[in-house]
N, C-alpha and C. Protein backbone atom coordinates (compact mmCIF):
# COMPACT_ATOMS: atom_id res chain seq x y z
N MET A 1 0.20 10.45 -26.43
CA MET A 1 -0.87 10.01 -25.56
C MET A 1 -2.12 10.84 -25.75
N SER A 2 -2.09 11.85 -26.58
CA SER A 2 -3.28 12.64 -26.72
C SER A 2 -4.46 11.78 -27.26
N GLY A 3 -5.67 12.01 -26.72
CA GLY A 3 -6.81 11.29 -27.12
C GLY A 3 -6.97 9.99 -26.40
N VAL A 4 -6.00 9.52 -25.65
CA VAL A 4 -6.04 8.26 -24.93
C VAL A 4 -6.40 8.58 -23.45
N LYS A 5 -7.46 7.99 -22.95
CA LYS A 5 -7.88 8.21 -21.60
C LYS A 5 -6.99 7.29 -20.72
N LYS A 6 -6.34 7.89 -19.73
CA LYS A 6 -5.49 7.15 -18.80
C LYS A 6 -6.28 6.45 -17.75
N SER A 7 -5.83 5.28 -17.27
CA SER A 7 -6.52 4.59 -16.18
C SER A 7 -6.16 5.33 -14.89
N ALA A 8 -7.15 5.49 -14.00
CA ALA A 8 -6.91 6.08 -12.71
C ALA A 8 -6.61 5.07 -11.64
N VAL A 9 -5.63 5.36 -10.82
CA VAL A 9 -5.16 4.46 -9.75
C VAL A 9 -5.14 5.22 -8.44
N ALA A 10 -5.63 4.58 -7.41
CA ALA A 10 -5.47 5.11 -6.05
C ALA A 10 -4.43 4.30 -5.35
N LEU A 11 -3.48 4.90 -4.67
CA LEU A 11 -2.43 4.18 -3.95
C LEU A 11 -2.90 4.11 -2.45
N ILE A 12 -2.86 2.92 -1.94
CA ILE A 12 -3.32 2.69 -0.55
C ILE A 12 -2.12 2.10 0.28
N ALA A 13 -1.77 2.76 1.34
CA ALA A 13 -0.74 2.25 2.24
C ALA A 13 -1.42 1.81 3.55
N CYS A 14 -1.24 0.55 3.90
CA CYS A 14 -1.80 0.02 5.12
C CYS A 14 -0.64 -0.22 6.06
N GLY A 15 -0.83 0.00 7.33
CA GLY A 15 0.21 -0.23 8.29
C GLY A 15 -0.03 0.40 9.63
N CYS A 16 0.93 0.25 10.54
CA CYS A 16 0.77 0.82 11.86
C CYS A 16 0.97 2.38 11.88
N PHE A 17 1.90 2.84 11.10
CA PHE A 17 2.22 4.26 11.08
C PHE A 17 2.45 4.72 12.48
N ASN A 18 3.42 4.12 13.10
CA ASN A 18 3.72 4.21 14.54
C ASN A 18 5.16 4.73 14.75
N PRO A 19 5.53 5.89 14.24
CA PRO A 19 4.76 6.95 13.58
C PRO A 19 4.89 6.90 12.07
N PRO A 20 4.07 7.73 11.38
CA PRO A 20 4.32 7.89 9.94
C PRO A 20 5.63 8.68 9.77
N THR A 21 6.34 8.35 8.68
CA THR A 21 7.68 8.98 8.44
C THR A 21 7.69 9.65 7.08
N LEU A 22 8.73 10.43 6.89
CA LEU A 22 8.92 11.05 5.54
C LEU A 22 9.08 9.98 4.49
N MET A 23 9.67 8.84 4.85
CA MET A 23 9.83 7.73 3.85
C MET A 23 8.49 7.13 3.45
N HIS A 24 7.53 7.10 4.37
CA HIS A 24 6.21 6.61 3.94
C HIS A 24 5.68 7.55 2.87
N LEU A 25 5.79 8.84 3.08
CA LEU A 25 5.29 9.80 2.10
C LEU A 25 6.09 9.70 0.79
N ARG A 26 7.40 9.44 0.92
CA ARG A 26 8.25 9.35 -0.22
C ARG A 26 7.84 8.13 -1.11
N LEU A 27 7.39 7.04 -0.48
CA LEU A 27 6.88 5.91 -1.22
C LEU A 27 5.76 6.32 -2.15
N PHE A 28 4.86 7.13 -1.65
CA PHE A 28 3.73 7.64 -2.45
C PHE A 28 4.24 8.43 -3.65
N GLU A 29 5.11 9.35 -3.39
CA GLU A 29 5.59 10.20 -4.49
C GLU A 29 6.39 9.40 -5.53
N THR A 30 7.19 8.45 -5.12
CA THR A 30 7.97 7.58 -5.99
C THR A 30 7.04 6.73 -6.84
N ALA A 31 6.06 6.14 -6.24
CA ALA A 31 5.09 5.30 -6.91
C ALA A 31 4.25 6.12 -7.88
N ARG A 32 3.79 7.25 -7.45
CA ARG A 32 2.99 8.12 -8.36
C ARG A 32 3.77 8.50 -9.60
N PHE A 33 4.99 8.89 -9.41
CA PHE A 33 5.80 9.34 -10.54
C PHE A 33 6.00 8.14 -11.52
N ALA A 34 6.30 6.99 -10.99
CA ALA A 34 6.49 5.82 -11.85
C ALA A 34 5.21 5.42 -12.61
N LEU A 35 4.09 5.44 -11.93
CA LEU A 35 2.84 5.14 -12.55
C LEU A 35 2.46 6.16 -13.65
N GLU A 36 2.69 7.42 -13.36
CA GLU A 36 2.39 8.45 -14.35
C GLU A 36 3.27 8.26 -15.59
N GLN A 37 4.49 7.86 -15.38
CA GLN A 37 5.41 7.57 -16.54
C GLN A 37 4.89 6.42 -17.39
N GLN A 38 4.08 5.54 -16.77
CA GLN A 38 3.49 4.42 -17.50
C GLN A 38 2.10 4.73 -18.09
N GLY A 39 1.66 5.98 -17.91
CA GLY A 39 0.42 6.39 -18.49
C GLY A 39 -0.76 6.42 -17.59
N PHE A 40 -0.61 6.10 -16.29
CA PHE A 40 -1.67 6.09 -15.36
C PHE A 40 -1.89 7.54 -14.79
N SER A 41 -3.04 7.79 -14.29
CA SER A 41 -3.20 9.01 -13.47
C SER A 41 -3.44 8.53 -12.06
N VAL A 42 -2.89 9.30 -11.09
CA VAL A 42 -2.97 8.92 -9.66
C VAL A 42 -3.58 10.11 -8.91
N PRO A 43 -4.90 10.17 -8.85
CA PRO A 43 -5.50 11.38 -8.19
C PRO A 43 -5.51 11.33 -6.70
N VAL A 44 -5.33 10.12 -6.12
CA VAL A 44 -5.44 10.06 -4.69
C VAL A 44 -4.55 8.94 -4.09
N GLY A 45 -4.04 9.23 -2.89
CA GLY A 45 -3.33 8.24 -2.09
C GLY A 45 -3.88 8.25 -0.69
N LEU A 46 -4.05 7.09 -0.13
CA LEU A 46 -4.65 6.96 1.21
C LEU A 46 -3.67 6.25 2.15
N ILE A 47 -3.52 6.87 3.35
CA ILE A 47 -2.78 6.25 4.44
C ILE A 47 -3.80 5.68 5.41
N SER A 48 -3.78 4.40 5.61
CA SER A 48 -4.77 3.74 6.50
C SER A 48 -4.03 3.08 7.65
N ALA A 49 -4.17 3.73 8.82
CA ALA A 49 -3.53 3.22 10.01
C ALA A 49 -4.30 2.00 10.54
N ALA A 50 -3.57 0.99 11.00
CA ALA A 50 -4.13 -0.25 11.53
C ALA A 50 -4.88 -0.02 12.85
N HIS A 51 -5.79 -0.88 13.13
CA HIS A 51 -6.61 -0.87 14.32
C HIS A 51 -5.68 -1.14 15.50
N ASP A 52 -6.11 -0.64 16.64
CA ASP A 52 -5.36 -0.89 17.92
C ASP A 52 -5.15 -2.37 18.19
N LYS A 53 -6.08 -3.23 17.75
CA LYS A 53 -5.97 -4.65 18.01
C LYS A 53 -5.07 -5.36 17.03
N TYR A 54 -4.25 -4.63 16.26
CA TYR A 54 -3.31 -5.26 15.39
C TYR A 54 -2.39 -6.24 16.14
N GLY A 55 -2.05 -5.86 17.34
CA GLY A 55 -1.29 -6.79 18.19
C GLY A 55 0.13 -6.41 18.44
N LYS A 56 0.56 -5.30 17.95
CA LYS A 56 1.96 -4.88 18.22
C LYS A 56 2.02 -4.20 19.56
N GLU A 57 2.94 -4.71 20.41
CA GLU A 57 2.99 -4.21 21.80
C GLU A 57 3.28 -2.74 21.91
N THR A 58 4.11 -2.21 21.01
CA THR A 58 4.54 -0.83 21.17
C THR A 58 3.62 0.16 20.41
N LEU A 59 2.48 -0.35 19.94
CA LEU A 59 1.55 0.43 19.17
C LEU A 59 0.88 1.53 20.03
N ILE A 60 1.05 2.77 19.61
CA ILE A 60 0.33 3.87 20.34
C ILE A 60 -1.07 3.86 19.83
N GLY A 61 -1.97 4.51 20.56
CA GLY A 61 -3.38 4.50 20.27
C GLY A 61 -3.71 5.03 18.82
N ALA A 62 -4.74 4.43 18.22
CA ALA A 62 -5.14 4.78 16.88
C ALA A 62 -5.45 6.25 16.72
N GLU A 63 -6.10 6.79 17.69
CA GLU A 63 -6.50 8.20 17.63
C GLU A 63 -5.24 9.11 17.43
N HIS A 64 -4.12 8.77 18.07
CA HIS A 64 -2.91 9.49 17.95
C HIS A 64 -2.19 9.19 16.61
N ARG A 65 -2.21 7.95 16.17
CA ARG A 65 -1.59 7.57 14.91
C ARG A 65 -2.34 8.21 13.72
N VAL A 66 -3.68 8.22 13.81
CA VAL A 66 -4.38 8.87 12.73
C VAL A 66 -4.12 10.34 12.70
N GLU A 67 -4.06 10.99 13.86
CA GLU A 67 -3.77 12.42 13.93
C GLU A 67 -2.34 12.68 13.32
N MET A 68 -1.36 11.81 13.64
CA MET A 68 -0.03 12.02 13.11
C MET A 68 -0.07 11.86 11.58
N CYS A 69 -0.79 10.86 11.09
CA CYS A 69 -0.94 10.69 9.67
C CYS A 69 -1.59 11.88 8.96
N GLU A 70 -2.65 12.43 9.62
CA GLU A 70 -3.29 13.62 9.06
C GLU A 70 -2.31 14.78 8.97
N ARG A 71 -1.51 14.95 10.04
CA ARG A 71 -0.57 16.06 10.03
C ARG A 71 0.55 15.79 9.01
N ALA A 72 0.95 14.53 8.84
CA ALA A 72 2.02 14.18 7.92
C ALA A 72 1.66 14.53 6.47
N CYS A 73 0.41 14.41 6.14
CA CYS A 73 0.00 14.63 4.72
C CYS A 73 -0.86 15.91 4.54
N ARG A 74 -0.89 16.75 5.53
CA ARG A 74 -1.78 17.91 5.43
C ARG A 74 -1.38 18.92 4.35
N THR A 75 -0.11 18.91 3.95
CA THR A 75 0.27 19.81 2.85
C THR A 75 0.18 19.15 1.45
N SER A 76 -0.15 17.88 1.41
CA SER A 76 -0.29 17.21 0.11
C SER A 76 -1.61 17.53 -0.52
N THR A 77 -1.58 17.66 -1.81
CA THR A 77 -2.85 17.90 -2.57
C THR A 77 -3.54 16.62 -2.96
N TRP A 78 -2.85 15.47 -2.73
CA TRP A 78 -3.45 14.25 -3.19
C TRP A 78 -3.36 13.05 -2.18
N ILE A 79 -2.54 13.18 -1.15
CA ILE A 79 -2.43 12.08 -0.16
C ILE A 79 -3.20 12.50 1.05
N ARG A 80 -3.99 11.58 1.61
CA ARG A 80 -4.74 11.90 2.85
C ARG A 80 -4.79 10.66 3.75
N SER A 81 -5.04 10.93 5.01
CA SER A 81 -5.22 9.88 6.00
C SER A 81 -6.65 9.48 6.06
N GLU A 82 -6.89 8.16 6.22
CA GLU A 82 -8.25 7.65 6.37
C GLU A 82 -8.32 6.84 7.66
N ASP A 83 -9.42 6.85 8.37
CA ASP A 83 -9.50 6.17 9.63
C ASP A 83 -10.51 4.98 9.62
N TRP A 84 -11.02 4.57 8.49
CA TRP A 84 -11.98 3.48 8.45
C TRP A 84 -11.46 2.24 9.20
N GLU A 85 -10.19 1.88 8.98
CA GLU A 85 -9.64 0.69 9.56
C GLU A 85 -9.68 0.78 11.06
N THR A 86 -9.38 1.95 11.64
CA THR A 86 -9.33 2.10 13.11
C THR A 86 -10.69 2.09 13.74
N ARG A 87 -11.71 2.37 12.96
CA ARG A 87 -13.08 2.45 13.50
C ARG A 87 -13.81 1.06 13.47
N GLN A 88 -13.16 0.05 12.98
CA GLN A 88 -13.75 -1.34 12.96
C GLN A 88 -13.69 -1.92 14.33
N SER A 89 -14.39 -3.06 14.55
CA SER A 89 -14.39 -3.70 15.86
C SER A 89 -13.07 -4.39 16.18
N GLY A 90 -12.26 -4.62 15.19
CA GLY A 90 -10.98 -5.25 15.38
C GLY A 90 -10.07 -5.04 14.19
N TRP A 91 -8.96 -5.71 14.19
CA TRP A 91 -8.00 -5.58 13.13
C TRP A 91 -8.59 -6.10 11.81
N SER A 92 -8.34 -5.39 10.71
CA SER A 92 -8.87 -5.79 9.40
C SER A 92 -7.72 -6.28 8.53
N LYS A 93 -7.97 -7.33 7.76
CA LYS A 93 -7.01 -7.85 6.83
C LYS A 93 -6.79 -6.84 5.70
N THR A 94 -5.60 -6.75 5.20
CA THR A 94 -5.29 -5.76 4.14
C THR A 94 -6.17 -5.93 2.93
N SER A 95 -6.48 -7.15 2.61
CA SER A 95 -7.39 -7.44 1.46
C SER A 95 -8.74 -6.79 1.67
N ASP A 96 -9.25 -6.90 2.87
CA ASP A 96 -10.59 -6.30 3.20
C ASP A 96 -10.52 -4.75 3.17
N VAL A 97 -9.39 -4.23 3.65
CA VAL A 97 -9.20 -2.78 3.65
C VAL A 97 -9.23 -2.24 2.20
N LEU A 98 -8.51 -2.95 1.33
CA LEU A 98 -8.47 -2.54 -0.08
C LEU A 98 -9.83 -2.64 -0.73
N ASP A 99 -10.56 -3.68 -0.43
CA ASP A 99 -11.96 -3.83 -0.95
C ASP A 99 -12.82 -2.65 -0.49
N GLU A 100 -12.72 -2.30 0.78
CA GLU A 100 -13.52 -1.20 1.36
C GLU A 100 -13.19 0.12 0.68
N TYR A 101 -11.96 0.45 0.59
CA TYR A 101 -11.57 1.72 0.00
C TYR A 101 -11.88 1.77 -1.48
N HIS A 102 -11.73 0.64 -2.13
CA HIS A 102 -12.14 0.57 -3.57
C HIS A 102 -13.64 0.95 -3.71
N ALA A 103 -14.48 0.36 -2.87
CA ALA A 103 -15.90 0.65 -2.89
C ALA A 103 -16.18 2.12 -2.63
N GLN A 104 -15.51 2.69 -1.61
CA GLN A 104 -15.70 4.11 -1.28
C GLN A 104 -15.26 5.03 -2.42
N LEU A 105 -14.05 4.71 -2.98
CA LEU A 105 -13.55 5.63 -4.02
C LEU A 105 -14.30 5.59 -5.33
N GLN A 106 -15.09 4.50 -5.56
CA GLN A 106 -15.87 4.42 -6.77
C GLN A 106 -16.88 5.56 -6.84
N LEU A 107 -17.31 6.05 -5.70
CA LEU A 107 -18.32 7.14 -5.66
C LEU A 107 -17.77 8.42 -6.26
N LYS A 108 -16.49 8.71 -6.01
CA LYS A 108 -15.90 9.95 -6.50
C LYS A 108 -15.11 9.74 -7.74
N PHE A 109 -14.49 8.56 -7.92
CA PHE A 109 -13.66 8.27 -9.09
C PHE A 109 -14.17 6.94 -9.73
N PRO A 110 -15.32 6.98 -10.41
CA PRO A 110 -15.85 5.72 -11.04
C PRO A 110 -14.76 5.07 -11.91
N GLY A 111 -14.58 3.80 -11.74
CA GLY A 111 -13.62 3.01 -12.47
C GLY A 111 -12.20 3.01 -11.97
N ILE A 112 -11.96 3.72 -10.90
CA ILE A 112 -10.54 3.75 -10.35
C ILE A 112 -10.18 2.38 -9.80
N SER A 113 -8.90 2.10 -9.90
CA SER A 113 -8.42 0.84 -9.32
C SER A 113 -7.57 1.25 -8.09
N CYS A 114 -7.54 0.37 -7.10
CA CYS A 114 -6.77 0.63 -5.90
C CYS A 114 -5.60 -0.36 -5.86
N LYS A 115 -4.45 0.19 -5.64
CA LYS A 115 -3.23 -0.64 -5.52
C LYS A 115 -2.58 -0.42 -4.16
N LEU A 116 -2.19 -1.56 -3.56
CA LEU A 116 -1.47 -1.51 -2.31
C LEU A 116 -0.07 -1.02 -2.59
N ILE A 117 0.35 -0.02 -1.89
CA ILE A 117 1.75 0.45 -2.04
C ILE A 117 2.58 -0.08 -0.87
N CYS A 118 3.81 -0.54 -1.18
CA CYS A 118 4.58 -1.14 -0.13
C CYS A 118 6.05 -1.15 -0.56
N GLY A 119 6.86 -1.49 0.45
CA GLY A 119 8.25 -1.76 0.21
C GLY A 119 8.43 -3.26 -0.05
N SER A 120 9.59 -3.68 -0.50
CA SER A 120 9.79 -5.09 -0.81
C SER A 120 9.73 -5.95 0.45
N ASP A 121 9.94 -5.34 1.65
CA ASP A 121 9.83 -6.14 2.87
C ASP A 121 8.40 -6.61 3.10
N LEU A 122 7.39 -5.83 2.74
CA LEU A 122 6.00 -6.28 2.89
C LEU A 122 5.75 -7.42 1.88
N LEU A 123 6.19 -7.24 0.65
CA LEU A 123 6.03 -8.31 -0.32
C LEU A 123 6.70 -9.64 0.17
N GLN A 124 7.84 -9.47 0.82
CA GLN A 124 8.52 -10.65 1.35
C GLN A 124 7.69 -11.32 2.44
N SER A 125 6.93 -10.52 3.18
CA SER A 125 6.13 -11.10 4.27
C SER A 125 5.05 -11.99 3.75
N PHE A 126 4.79 -12.04 2.42
CA PHE A 126 3.84 -13.02 1.89
C PHE A 126 4.34 -14.43 2.14
N ASN A 127 5.65 -14.61 2.40
CA ASN A 127 6.21 -15.89 2.70
C ASN A 127 6.14 -16.26 4.20
N THR A 128 5.72 -15.36 5.02
CA THR A 128 5.64 -15.66 6.45
C THR A 128 4.47 -16.58 6.71
N PRO A 129 4.73 -17.76 7.30
CA PRO A 129 3.63 -18.72 7.57
C PRO A 129 2.54 -18.13 8.41
N ASN A 130 1.31 -18.35 8.03
CA ASN A 130 0.10 -17.95 8.75
C ASN A 130 -0.14 -16.47 8.85
N LEU A 131 0.62 -15.68 8.11
CA LEU A 131 0.41 -14.21 8.16
C LEU A 131 -0.58 -13.81 7.09
N TRP A 132 -0.38 -14.31 5.89
CA TRP A 132 -1.29 -14.00 4.75
C TRP A 132 -1.96 -15.24 4.27
N SER A 133 -3.29 -15.22 4.16
CA SER A 133 -3.95 -16.38 3.53
C SER A 133 -3.83 -16.34 2.07
N ASP A 134 -3.77 -17.47 1.44
CA ASP A 134 -3.69 -17.51 -0.02
C ASP A 134 -4.85 -16.72 -0.65
N GLU A 135 -6.03 -16.87 -0.09
CA GLU A 135 -7.23 -16.20 -0.63
C GLU A 135 -7.00 -14.66 -0.61
N HIS A 136 -6.48 -14.10 0.43
CA HIS A 136 -6.23 -12.67 0.50
C HIS A 136 -5.16 -12.20 -0.42
N VAL A 137 -4.05 -12.96 -0.53
CA VAL A 137 -3.02 -12.61 -1.46
C VAL A 137 -3.54 -12.60 -2.88
N ILE A 138 -4.30 -13.61 -3.23
CA ILE A 138 -4.92 -13.68 -4.59
C ILE A 138 -5.85 -12.51 -4.80
N ASN A 139 -6.66 -12.19 -3.83
CA ASN A 139 -7.58 -11.04 -4.00
C ASN A 139 -6.78 -9.73 -4.23
N ILE A 140 -5.75 -9.58 -3.44
CA ILE A 140 -4.93 -8.36 -3.54
C ILE A 140 -4.31 -8.28 -4.94
N LEU A 141 -3.75 -9.37 -5.41
CA LEU A 141 -3.08 -9.33 -6.70
C LEU A 141 -4.04 -9.31 -7.88
N ASP A 142 -5.12 -10.05 -7.82
CA ASP A 142 -6.05 -10.16 -8.97
C ASP A 142 -7.03 -8.94 -9.04
N LYS A 143 -7.48 -8.54 -7.91
CA LYS A 143 -8.51 -7.47 -7.91
C LYS A 143 -7.93 -6.08 -7.81
N HIS A 144 -6.83 -5.96 -7.10
CA HIS A 144 -6.29 -4.62 -6.87
C HIS A 144 -4.88 -4.45 -7.47
N GLY A 145 -3.94 -5.17 -6.99
CA GLY A 145 -2.58 -5.02 -7.46
C GLY A 145 -1.73 -4.39 -6.39
N VAL A 146 -0.36 -4.49 -6.61
CA VAL A 146 0.57 -4.00 -5.66
C VAL A 146 1.56 -3.11 -6.43
N VAL A 147 1.95 -1.98 -5.83
CA VAL A 147 3.08 -1.23 -6.32
C VAL A 147 4.13 -1.37 -5.27
N CYS A 148 5.19 -2.04 -5.64
CA CYS A 148 6.27 -2.36 -4.70
C CYS A 148 7.54 -1.52 -5.01
N ILE A 149 7.92 -0.73 -4.03
CA ILE A 149 9.13 0.09 -4.14
C ILE A 149 10.29 -0.84 -3.73
N LYS A 150 11.18 -1.11 -4.66
CA LYS A 150 12.29 -2.02 -4.37
C LYS A 150 13.28 -1.43 -3.41
N ARG A 151 13.83 -2.27 -2.58
CA ARG A 151 14.90 -1.86 -1.66
C ARG A 151 16.22 -2.39 -2.15
N LYS A 152 17.25 -1.62 -1.86
CA LYS A 152 18.63 -2.01 -2.20
C LYS A 152 18.92 -3.36 -1.53
N ASP A 153 19.68 -4.20 -2.24
CA ASP A 153 20.14 -5.48 -1.71
C ASP A 153 18.97 -6.46 -1.45
N PHE A 154 17.81 -6.31 -2.09
CA PHE A 154 16.75 -7.28 -1.90
C PHE A 154 16.28 -7.67 -3.29
N ASP A 155 16.35 -8.93 -3.61
CA ASP A 155 16.01 -9.45 -4.93
C ASP A 155 14.51 -9.81 -4.99
N VAL A 156 13.70 -8.81 -5.33
CA VAL A 156 12.28 -8.97 -5.45
C VAL A 156 11.91 -9.97 -6.55
N SER A 157 12.67 -9.90 -7.63
CA SER A 157 12.39 -10.82 -8.77
C SER A 157 12.50 -12.26 -8.31
N HIS A 158 13.59 -12.57 -7.55
CA HIS A 158 13.76 -13.92 -7.04
C HIS A 158 12.59 -14.33 -6.18
N LEU A 159 12.15 -13.47 -5.25
CA LEU A 159 11.01 -13.70 -4.45
C LEU A 159 9.77 -14.06 -5.24
N MET A 160 9.52 -13.23 -6.27
CA MET A 160 8.30 -13.45 -7.10
C MET A 160 8.43 -14.73 -7.95
N ASP A 161 9.62 -15.08 -8.40
CA ASP A 161 9.75 -16.32 -9.18
C ASP A 161 9.58 -17.56 -8.29
N ASN A 162 9.81 -17.40 -7.03
CA ASN A 162 9.78 -18.62 -6.18
C ASN A 162 8.57 -18.67 -5.20
N HIS A 163 7.70 -17.69 -5.27
CA HIS A 163 6.49 -17.69 -4.43
C HIS A 163 5.37 -18.39 -5.21
N PRO A 164 4.69 -19.33 -4.58
CA PRO A 164 3.67 -20.12 -5.37
C PRO A 164 2.54 -19.27 -5.95
N ILE A 165 2.21 -18.16 -5.35
CA ILE A 165 1.13 -17.28 -5.87
C ILE A 165 1.69 -16.17 -6.70
N LEU A 166 2.72 -15.52 -6.21
CA LEU A 166 3.31 -14.39 -6.93
C LEU A 166 3.85 -14.82 -8.28
N SER A 167 4.39 -16.06 -8.35
CA SER A 167 5.05 -16.46 -9.59
C SER A 167 4.00 -16.62 -10.71
N THR A 168 2.75 -16.82 -10.37
CA THR A 168 1.71 -16.96 -11.39
C THR A 168 0.87 -15.71 -11.59
N ARG A 169 1.19 -14.70 -10.82
CA ARG A 169 0.41 -13.43 -10.83
C ARG A 169 1.33 -12.19 -10.92
N LYS A 170 2.42 -12.32 -11.61
CA LYS A 170 3.36 -11.23 -11.70
C LYS A 170 2.76 -9.96 -12.26
N SER A 171 1.72 -10.09 -13.08
CA SER A 171 1.12 -8.89 -13.66
C SER A 171 0.39 -8.11 -12.61
N GLY A 172 0.18 -8.65 -11.43
CA GLY A 172 -0.45 -7.93 -10.35
C GLY A 172 0.49 -7.09 -9.49
N VAL A 173 1.76 -7.11 -9.87
CA VAL A 173 2.81 -6.41 -9.15
C VAL A 173 3.55 -5.45 -10.10
N ILE A 174 3.60 -4.22 -9.75
CA ILE A 174 4.38 -3.27 -10.44
C ILE A 174 5.63 -2.94 -9.58
N LEU A 175 6.76 -3.28 -10.10
CA LEU A 175 8.02 -3.01 -9.37
C LEU A 175 8.57 -1.64 -9.74
N VAL A 176 8.96 -0.91 -8.73
CA VAL A 176 9.44 0.47 -8.96
C VAL A 176 10.81 0.61 -8.28
N ASP A 177 11.78 1.10 -8.97
CA ASP A 177 13.13 1.37 -8.37
C ASP A 177 12.99 2.61 -7.48
N SER A 178 13.57 2.51 -6.32
CA SER A 178 13.54 3.61 -5.35
C SER A 178 14.54 4.71 -5.78
N ASP A 179 14.11 5.96 -5.67
CA ASP A 179 14.99 7.03 -5.97
C ASP A 179 15.77 7.52 -4.74
N VAL A 180 15.49 6.87 -3.57
CA VAL A 180 16.17 7.19 -2.31
C VAL A 180 16.54 5.88 -1.65
N THR A 181 17.77 5.83 -1.09
CA THR A 181 18.18 4.64 -0.39
C THR A 181 17.44 4.60 0.97
N ASN A 182 16.79 3.44 1.24
CA ASN A 182 16.03 3.32 2.48
C ASN A 182 16.25 1.90 2.94
N ASP A 183 17.05 1.71 3.94
CA ASP A 183 17.27 0.41 4.53
C ASP A 183 16.50 0.18 5.81
N VAL A 184 15.62 1.12 6.14
CA VAL A 184 14.80 0.99 7.38
C VAL A 184 13.45 0.35 6.99
N SER A 185 13.13 -0.66 7.70
CA SER A 185 11.87 -1.36 7.51
C SER A 185 10.94 -1.16 8.66
N SER A 186 9.79 -0.61 8.42
CA SER A 186 8.83 -0.41 9.52
C SER A 186 8.03 -1.65 9.74
N SER A 187 8.08 -2.64 8.82
CA SER A 187 7.30 -3.84 9.03
C SER A 187 8.10 -4.94 9.68
N SER A 188 9.36 -4.73 9.95
CA SER A 188 10.10 -5.79 10.64
C SER A 188 10.35 -5.33 12.06
N GLY A 189 10.04 -6.21 12.99
CA GLY A 189 10.28 -5.89 14.39
C GLY A 189 9.26 -5.08 15.05
């Protein structure tokens, strides 16, 4: 690889982080390692807590969730918490959040791409009626991309083969085998 400039990638995790867990941070480390093995550099990871108006009844206030995210990643040299999403007038679609962070990161890392990092449960939610618009899924896959950490006993390949948008945009998804068993889903329930 000497003489070849690697593409820079920022990993962006969007969610409630109610609270952030070690497994959230582990997703970042697993994805970063896998991307570096493929020749990418990953200089930054962002945890973006959802706005209070996301609509989840048990959601604690954004101020507290952002503080927990900041504390969770305070010893990391490359992962940090961002509060842009919580400072908006309402809940922001993931596609819009990725667009915003992409624009912000261009100032420090010109040419960097932003990829949504998630577990296979979030990818599966693309099938949930009225949750994701086709326009937003297409923007996420075509403009940014997804790094999906696969979960045990979940056939992500089958999902991608049978989803009307994912099946035609598989190059927008990087699948990564998990190095830790995690059957807990923060996006369900």
